[in-house]
N, C-alpha and C. Protein backbone atom coordinates (compact mmCIF):
# COMPACT_ATOMS: atom_id res chain seq x y z
N MET A 1 70.67 143.22 52.45
CA MET A 1 70.94 144.40 51.62
C MET A 1 69.63 145.10 51.24
N SER A 2 68.61 144.30 50.88
CA SER A 2 67.34 144.91 50.49
C SER A 2 66.68 145.61 51.68
N ALA A 3 66.90 145.09 52.89
CA ALA A 3 66.33 145.75 54.07
C ALA A 3 66.93 147.14 54.26
N ILE A 4 68.23 147.27 54.02
CA ILE A 4 68.90 148.57 54.13
C ILE A 4 68.34 149.54 53.10
N LEU A 5 68.12 149.05 51.89
CA LEU A 5 67.57 149.88 50.82
C LEU A 5 66.16 150.35 51.18
N ILE A 6 65.35 149.46 51.71
CA ILE A 6 63.98 149.82 52.08
C ILE A 6 63.98 150.84 53.21
N ILE A 7 64.84 150.65 54.20
CA ILE A 7 64.94 151.59 55.31
C ILE A 7 65.42 152.95 54.81
N SER A 8 66.39 152.95 53.92
CA SER A 8 66.90 154.21 53.35
C SER A 8 65.81 154.94 52.59
N LEU A 9 65.06 154.22 51.78
CA LEU A 9 63.97 154.86 51.02
C LEU A 9 62.90 155.40 51.96
N PHE A 10 62.55 154.65 52.98
CA PHE A 10 61.57 155.10 53.95
C PHE A 10 62.05 156.39 54.63
N SER A 11 63.34 156.44 54.99
CA SER A 11 63.90 157.62 55.64
C SER A 11 63.80 158.83 54.73
N CYS A 12 64.06 158.65 53.45
CA CYS A 12 63.96 159.76 52.49
C CYS A 12 62.52 160.27 52.40
N PHE A 13 61.56 159.35 52.32
CA PHE A 13 60.16 159.76 52.24
C PHE A 13 59.73 160.47 53.52
N PHE A 14 60.17 159.98 54.67
CA PHE A 14 59.83 160.62 55.95
C PHE A 14 60.41 162.02 56.00
N ALA A 15 61.66 162.18 55.60
CA ALA A 15 62.29 163.51 55.61
C ALA A 15 61.58 164.45 54.65
N ALA A 16 61.22 163.97 53.49
CA ALA A 16 60.51 164.81 52.52
C ALA A 16 59.14 165.20 53.05
N TYR A 17 58.50 164.29 53.78
CA TYR A 17 57.20 164.58 54.35
C TYR A 17 57.30 165.71 55.38
N ASN A 18 58.41 165.76 56.12
CA ASN A 18 58.60 166.78 57.14
C ASN A 18 59.10 168.10 56.59
N ALA A 19 59.45 168.12 55.32
CA ALA A 19 59.94 169.36 54.71
C ALA A 19 58.77 170.21 54.27
N LYS A 20 59.02 171.50 54.20
CA LYS A 20 57.99 172.42 53.74
C LYS A 20 58.59 173.31 52.67
N GLY A 21 57.89 173.40 51.59
CA GLY A 21 58.25 174.36 50.57
C GLY A 21 57.33 175.57 50.73
N PHE A 22 57.90 176.73 50.92
CA PHE A 22 57.13 177.95 51.12
C PHE A 22 56.92 178.66 49.79
N SER A 23 55.80 179.35 49.67
CA SER A 23 55.65 180.31 48.57
C SER A 23 56.35 181.59 49.03
N LYS A 24 56.57 182.49 48.11
CA LYS A 24 57.19 183.77 48.47
C LYS A 24 56.37 184.50 49.53
N CYS A 25 55.06 184.51 49.35
CA CYS A 25 54.20 185.22 50.31
C CYS A 25 54.17 184.53 51.67
N GLN A 26 54.11 183.21 51.68
CA GLN A 26 54.15 182.50 52.96
C GLN A 26 55.45 182.81 53.70
N MET A 27 56.53 182.83 52.96
CA MET A 27 57.83 183.14 53.56
C MET A 27 57.84 184.56 54.10
N ALA A 28 57.33 185.50 53.32
CA ALA A 28 57.29 186.90 53.76
C ALA A 28 56.47 187.04 55.04
N HIS A 29 55.35 186.34 55.13
CA HIS A 29 54.51 186.41 56.34
C HIS A 29 55.26 185.84 57.54
N GLN A 30 55.95 184.71 57.36
CA GLN A 30 56.73 184.12 58.45
C GLN A 30 57.82 185.08 58.92
N LEU A 31 58.52 185.65 57.96
CA LEU A 31 59.60 186.58 58.30
C LEU A 31 59.07 187.82 59.01
N LYS A 32 57.96 188.34 58.53
CA LYS A 32 57.37 189.52 59.16
C LYS A 32 56.95 189.22 60.59
N ALA A 33 56.36 188.04 60.80
CA ALA A 33 55.92 187.65 62.14
C ALA A 33 57.09 187.52 63.11
N HIS A 34 58.28 187.28 62.58
CA HIS A 34 59.48 187.14 63.42
C HIS A 34 60.33 188.41 63.44
N GLY A 35 59.75 189.53 63.01
CA GLY A 35 60.43 190.82 63.13
C GLY A 35 61.55 191.06 62.14
N MET A 36 61.48 190.43 60.97
CA MET A 36 62.57 190.55 60.00
C MET A 36 62.42 191.72 59.04
N ASN A 37 61.26 192.38 59.01
CA ASN A 37 61.09 193.51 58.11
C ASN A 37 61.91 194.69 58.63
N GLY A 38 62.96 195.03 57.93
CA GLY A 38 63.84 196.10 58.34
C GLY A 38 64.95 195.66 59.29
N TYR A 39 65.03 194.39 59.60
CA TYR A 39 66.05 193.90 60.52
C TYR A 39 67.44 194.20 59.96
N TYR A 40 68.20 194.96 60.71
CA TYR A 40 69.53 195.43 60.31
C TYR A 40 69.51 196.11 58.94
N GLY A 41 68.38 196.73 58.62
CA GLY A 41 68.27 197.51 57.39
C GLY A 41 67.88 196.71 56.16
N TYR A 42 67.51 195.46 56.33
CA TYR A 42 67.14 194.62 55.19
C TYR A 42 65.63 194.41 55.15
N SER A 43 65.08 194.50 53.95
CA SER A 43 63.63 194.38 53.76
C SER A 43 63.20 192.91 53.73
N LEU A 44 61.91 192.70 53.86
CA LEU A 44 61.36 191.34 53.71
C LEU A 44 61.73 190.79 52.34
N ALA A 45 61.69 191.64 51.33
CA ALA A 45 62.02 191.19 49.97
C ALA A 45 63.46 190.70 49.89
N ASP A 46 64.39 191.36 50.60
CA ASP A 46 65.77 190.88 50.64
C ASP A 46 65.84 189.46 51.20
N TRP A 47 65.13 189.24 52.30
CA TRP A 47 65.17 187.92 52.95
C TRP A 47 64.53 186.86 52.08
N VAL A 48 63.39 187.18 51.46
CA VAL A 48 62.71 186.20 50.61
C VAL A 48 63.58 185.87 49.40
N CYS A 49 64.14 186.89 48.78
CA CYS A 49 65.02 186.69 47.63
C CYS A 49 66.20 185.79 48.01
N MET A 50 66.84 186.09 49.13
CA MET A 50 67.98 185.28 49.55
C MET A 50 67.59 183.83 49.77
N ALA A 51 66.47 183.60 50.46
CA ALA A 51 66.03 182.24 50.73
C ALA A 51 65.65 181.51 49.45
N GLU A 52 65.06 182.24 48.51
CA GLU A 52 64.70 181.61 47.24
C GLU A 52 65.96 181.14 46.50
N TYR A 53 66.96 181.98 46.44
CA TYR A 53 68.18 181.60 45.73
C TYR A 53 69.03 180.61 46.52
N ALA A 54 68.95 180.65 47.84
CA ALA A 54 69.74 179.73 48.66
C ALA A 54 69.15 178.32 48.65
N SER A 55 67.81 178.22 48.74
CA SER A 55 67.19 176.90 48.96
C SER A 55 65.95 176.63 48.13
N ASN A 56 65.57 177.56 47.28
CA ASN A 56 64.30 177.47 46.57
C ASN A 56 63.13 177.42 47.56
N LEU A 57 63.31 178.10 48.71
CA LEU A 57 62.31 178.20 49.78
C LEU A 57 61.90 176.83 50.33
N ASN A 58 62.85 175.92 50.38
CA ASN A 58 62.60 174.57 50.84
C ASN A 58 63.35 174.33 52.15
N THR A 59 62.63 173.92 53.18
CA THR A 59 63.24 173.71 54.49
C THR A 59 64.20 172.52 54.50
N LEU A 60 64.05 171.60 53.59
CA LEU A 60 64.88 170.40 53.56
C LEU A 60 66.12 170.57 52.68
N ALA A 61 66.35 171.75 52.16
CA ALA A 61 67.45 171.95 51.21
C ALA A 61 68.79 171.51 51.78
N PHE A 62 69.46 170.68 51.01
CA PHE A 62 70.80 170.22 51.32
C PHE A 62 71.45 169.85 50.00
N TYR A 63 72.56 170.47 49.70
CA TYR A 63 73.15 170.30 48.37
C TYR A 63 74.49 169.59 48.41
N GLY A 64 74.76 168.82 49.44
CA GLY A 64 75.99 168.07 49.52
C GLY A 64 77.07 168.80 50.29
N THR A 65 78.27 168.32 50.13
CA THR A 65 79.41 168.83 50.88
C THR A 65 80.13 169.93 50.11
N ASN A 66 80.49 171.00 50.80
CA ASN A 66 81.24 172.10 50.20
C ASN A 66 82.70 171.69 49.98
N SER A 67 83.43 172.48 49.24
CA SER A 67 84.82 172.15 48.92
C SER A 67 85.70 172.03 50.17
N ASN A 68 85.34 172.70 51.26
CA ASN A 68 86.13 172.61 52.49
C ASN A 68 85.65 171.50 53.43
N GLY A 69 84.66 170.73 52.98
CA GLY A 69 84.14 169.63 53.79
C GLY A 69 82.93 169.99 54.63
N SER A 70 82.60 171.27 54.72
CA SER A 70 81.43 171.69 55.50
C SER A 70 80.15 171.47 54.70
N ARG A 71 79.00 171.67 55.36
CA ARG A 71 77.70 171.49 54.73
C ARG A 71 76.78 172.64 55.12
N ASP A 72 75.81 172.94 54.26
CA ASP A 72 74.82 173.99 54.50
C ASP A 72 73.45 173.35 54.62
N TYR A 73 72.65 173.85 55.57
CA TYR A 73 71.38 173.22 55.90
C TYR A 73 70.21 174.18 55.84
N GLY A 74 69.08 173.68 55.34
CA GLY A 74 67.80 174.34 55.47
C GLY A 74 67.52 175.49 54.54
N ILE A 75 66.47 176.19 54.86
CA ILE A 75 65.91 177.22 53.99
C ILE A 75 66.87 178.40 53.79
N PHE A 76 67.75 178.65 54.78
CA PHE A 76 68.73 179.74 54.67
C PHE A 76 70.14 179.22 54.42
N GLN A 77 70.28 177.90 54.26
CA GLN A 77 71.57 177.27 54.01
C GLN A 77 72.62 177.69 55.04
N LEU A 78 72.36 177.34 56.28
CA LEU A 78 73.24 177.68 57.40
C LEU A 78 74.33 176.62 57.52
N ASN A 79 75.55 177.08 57.67
CA ASN A 79 76.73 176.22 57.58
C ASN A 79 77.10 175.56 58.90
N ASN A 80 77.47 174.28 58.81
CA ASN A 80 77.84 173.52 60.00
C ASN A 80 79.25 173.82 60.49
N GLN A 81 80.03 174.56 59.76
CA GLN A 81 81.36 174.93 60.23
C GLN A 81 81.26 176.02 61.30
N ARG A 82 80.29 176.89 61.14
CA ARG A 82 80.21 178.04 62.04
C ARG A 82 78.92 178.14 62.85
N TRP A 83 77.78 177.72 62.29
CA TRP A 83 76.51 178.08 62.91
C TRP A 83 75.72 176.94 63.54
N CYS A 84 75.87 175.72 63.06
CA CYS A 84 75.12 174.60 63.65
C CYS A 84 76.05 173.40 63.81
N GLN A 85 75.60 172.44 64.60
CA GLN A 85 76.43 171.28 64.91
C GLN A 85 75.84 170.01 64.32
N ASP A 86 76.68 169.28 63.62
CA ASP A 86 76.32 167.93 63.20
C ASP A 86 77.50 167.02 63.50
N LYS A 87 77.35 165.75 63.24
CA LYS A 87 78.42 164.80 63.57
C LYS A 87 79.51 164.73 62.50
N ASN A 88 79.34 165.47 61.41
CA ASN A 88 80.25 165.35 60.28
C ASN A 88 81.38 166.36 60.24
N TYR A 89 81.30 167.41 61.07
CA TYR A 89 82.27 168.49 60.92
C TYR A 89 82.43 169.22 62.26
N PRO A 90 83.65 169.54 62.65
CA PRO A 90 83.82 170.33 63.88
C PRO A 90 83.22 171.73 63.69
N SER A 91 82.51 172.22 64.66
CA SER A 91 81.77 173.47 64.50
C SER A 91 81.94 174.40 65.68
N LYS A 92 81.88 175.69 65.39
CA LYS A 92 81.81 176.70 66.45
C LYS A 92 80.40 176.75 67.03
N ASN A 93 79.42 176.26 66.28
CA ASN A 93 78.01 176.20 66.68
C ASN A 93 77.53 177.54 67.25
N GLY A 94 77.74 178.59 66.48
CA GLY A 94 77.40 179.94 66.89
C GLY A 94 75.94 180.16 67.24
N CYS A 95 75.06 179.34 66.69
CA CYS A 95 73.63 179.48 67.00
C CYS A 95 73.17 178.48 68.04
N ASN A 96 74.10 177.68 68.54
CA ASN A 96 73.76 176.69 69.57
C ASN A 96 72.56 175.85 69.16
N ILE A 97 72.69 175.22 67.99
CA ILE A 97 71.59 174.45 67.42
C ILE A 97 72.16 173.24 66.66
N LYS A 98 71.42 172.16 66.66
CA LYS A 98 71.78 171.00 65.84
C LYS A 98 71.36 171.30 64.40
N CYS A 99 72.20 170.94 63.47
CA CYS A 99 71.88 171.19 62.05
C CYS A 99 70.59 170.49 61.65
N SER A 100 70.29 169.37 62.26
CA SER A 100 69.06 168.64 61.94
C SER A 100 67.81 169.46 62.26
N GLU A 101 67.92 170.42 63.18
CA GLU A 101 66.78 171.27 63.52
C GLU A 101 66.52 172.33 62.45
N LEU A 102 67.43 172.46 61.51
CA LEU A 102 67.27 173.45 60.43
C LEU A 102 66.61 172.86 59.20
N VAL A 103 66.28 171.59 59.23
CA VAL A 103 65.67 170.95 58.07
C VAL A 103 64.30 170.36 58.42
N ASP A 104 63.50 171.17 59.11
CA ASP A 104 62.12 170.81 59.39
C ASP A 104 61.24 171.99 59.02
N ASP A 105 59.94 171.86 59.19
CA ASP A 105 59.04 172.93 58.73
C ASP A 105 58.87 174.07 59.73
N ASP A 106 59.50 173.97 60.90
CA ASP A 106 59.49 175.07 61.87
C ASP A 106 60.73 175.92 61.61
N ILE A 107 60.53 177.09 61.00
CA ILE A 107 61.68 177.92 60.65
C ILE A 107 61.98 179.00 61.70
N SER A 108 61.30 178.98 62.83
CA SER A 108 61.56 179.99 63.84
C SER A 108 62.98 179.89 64.37
N ASP A 109 63.50 178.67 64.57
CA ASP A 109 64.87 178.52 65.02
C ASP A 109 65.86 178.94 63.93
N ASP A 110 65.51 178.70 62.68
CA ASP A 110 66.35 179.14 61.56
C ASP A 110 66.43 180.67 61.54
N ILE A 111 65.29 181.31 61.73
CA ILE A 111 65.24 182.78 61.72
C ILE A 111 66.04 183.35 62.90
N ASN A 112 65.94 182.72 64.06
CA ASN A 112 66.74 183.18 65.21
C ASN A 112 68.23 183.09 64.91
N CYS A 113 68.63 182.04 64.23
CA CYS A 113 70.03 181.89 63.86
C CYS A 113 70.43 182.95 62.84
N VAL A 114 69.57 183.20 61.86
CA VAL A 114 69.83 184.23 60.85
C VAL A 114 70.02 185.59 61.52
N LYS A 115 69.19 185.89 62.51
CA LYS A 115 69.34 187.16 63.23
C LYS A 115 70.72 187.26 63.88
N ARG A 116 71.15 186.18 64.44
CA ARG A 116 72.47 186.16 65.08
C ARG A 116 73.58 186.36 64.05
N ILE A 117 73.46 185.69 62.91
CA ILE A 117 74.47 185.80 61.86
C ILE A 117 74.57 187.24 61.38
N VAL A 118 73.42 187.85 61.10
CA VAL A 118 73.41 189.23 60.58
C VAL A 118 73.98 190.20 61.61
N SER A 119 73.65 190.00 62.86
CA SER A 119 74.13 190.93 63.88
C SER A 119 75.61 190.73 64.22
N GLU A 120 76.13 189.53 64.04
CA GLU A 120 77.51 189.24 64.41
C GLU A 120 78.49 189.23 63.24
N SER A 121 77.97 189.21 62.04
CA SER A 121 78.87 189.14 60.89
C SER A 121 78.69 190.36 60.01
N LYS A 122 78.90 190.19 58.76
CA LYS A 122 78.87 191.32 57.84
C LYS A 122 77.51 191.56 57.21
N GLY A 123 76.44 191.17 57.87
CA GLY A 123 75.10 191.37 57.33
C GLY A 123 74.75 190.35 56.27
N MET A 124 73.90 190.73 55.36
CA MET A 124 73.46 189.80 54.33
C MET A 124 74.54 189.38 53.34
N PRO A 125 75.61 190.13 53.17
CA PRO A 125 76.69 189.61 52.32
C PRO A 125 77.27 188.28 52.82
N ALA A 126 76.90 187.86 54.03
CA ALA A 126 77.30 186.54 54.52
C ALA A 126 76.71 185.44 53.62
N TRP A 127 75.65 185.77 52.87
CA TRP A 127 75.03 184.82 51.96
C TRP A 127 75.38 185.18 50.52
N MET A 128 76.16 184.38 49.88
CA MET A 128 76.54 184.61 48.49
C MET A 128 75.32 184.68 47.56
N PRO A 129 74.28 183.85 47.77
CA PRO A 129 73.11 183.97 46.89
C PRO A 129 72.47 185.36 46.94
N TRP A 130 72.45 185.98 48.13
CA TRP A 130 71.90 187.34 48.23
C TRP A 130 72.81 188.31 47.51
N GLU A 131 74.09 188.21 47.77
CA GLU A 131 75.07 189.11 47.17
C GLU A 131 75.00 189.06 45.64
N LYS A 132 74.88 187.87 45.11
CA LYS A 132 74.90 187.68 43.65
C LYS A 132 73.57 188.00 42.97
N ASN A 133 72.45 187.68 43.63
CA ASN A 133 71.15 187.74 42.96
C ASN A 133 70.18 188.80 43.46
N CYS A 134 70.43 189.36 44.65
CA CYS A 134 69.43 190.24 45.27
C CYS A 134 69.95 191.65 45.56
N LYS A 135 71.20 191.77 45.91
CA LYS A 135 71.77 193.04 46.32
C LYS A 135 71.63 194.07 45.19
N ASN A 136 71.11 195.24 45.56
CA ASN A 136 70.95 196.36 44.62
C ASN A 136 70.07 196.04 43.42
N LYS A 137 69.14 195.10 43.59
CA LYS A 137 68.21 194.74 42.52
C LYS A 137 66.80 195.18 42.91
N ASP A 138 65.96 195.31 41.91
CA ASP A 138 64.54 195.59 42.16
C ASP A 138 63.90 194.30 42.66
N LEU A 139 63.54 194.27 43.92
CA LEU A 139 62.98 193.08 44.55
C LEU A 139 61.47 193.17 44.74
N SER A 140 60.84 194.12 44.11
CA SER A 140 59.40 194.34 44.31
C SER A 140 58.58 193.12 43.94
N LYS A 141 59.03 192.31 43.00
CA LYS A 141 58.27 191.12 42.60
C LYS A 141 58.12 190.10 43.73
N TYR A 142 59.00 190.15 44.72
CA TYR A 142 58.95 189.18 45.80
C TYR A 142 57.78 189.38 46.74
N LEU A 143 57.24 190.58 46.80
CA LEU A 143 56.13 190.86 47.70
C LEU A 143 54.91 191.42 46.99
N ALA A 144 54.98 191.53 45.67
CA ALA A 144 53.95 192.21 44.89
C ALA A 144 52.55 191.68 45.13
N LYS A 145 52.39 190.40 45.26
CA LYS A 145 51.04 189.80 45.40
C LYS A 145 50.73 189.38 46.82
N CYS A 146 51.56 189.79 47.76
CA CYS A 146 51.37 189.40 49.15
C CYS A 146 50.57 190.45 49.91
N ALA A 147 49.63 190.02 50.68
CA ALA A 147 48.85 190.94 51.51
C ALA A 147 49.55 191.03 52.87
N LEU A 148 50.46 191.97 52.96
CA LEU A 148 51.25 192.08 54.20
C LEU A 148 50.75 193.19 55.09
């Protein structure tokens, strides 16, 4: 039993080591480098705000199981019911990606999936955190100190 506990703790530390917490400016630079400024009419500040409210800008963000049994992964909280595949839930896997690839410090695959979601769905309202906290708000504070 103690061996299982030690292995579990080691796994948690390893996962945390592979996670990256971004600052607002680091996130804005990553998004800009991937062509997200103005993507489908949304500003960098929209994307940073959404990611902050969705995951606190943490690539390892995972908040448990949703009421329908699905799960959300990573910095943009991408759902395994529709966008990524894991062993816990049947998925359409719209981004053709394993959910485990959304919880590492390389967010380029996450951004590619976000682009697909925005282009194929209803835009940023697909994210409730954006709808509730960012839409029609003054988002200037998200980029104010960033040298973009």
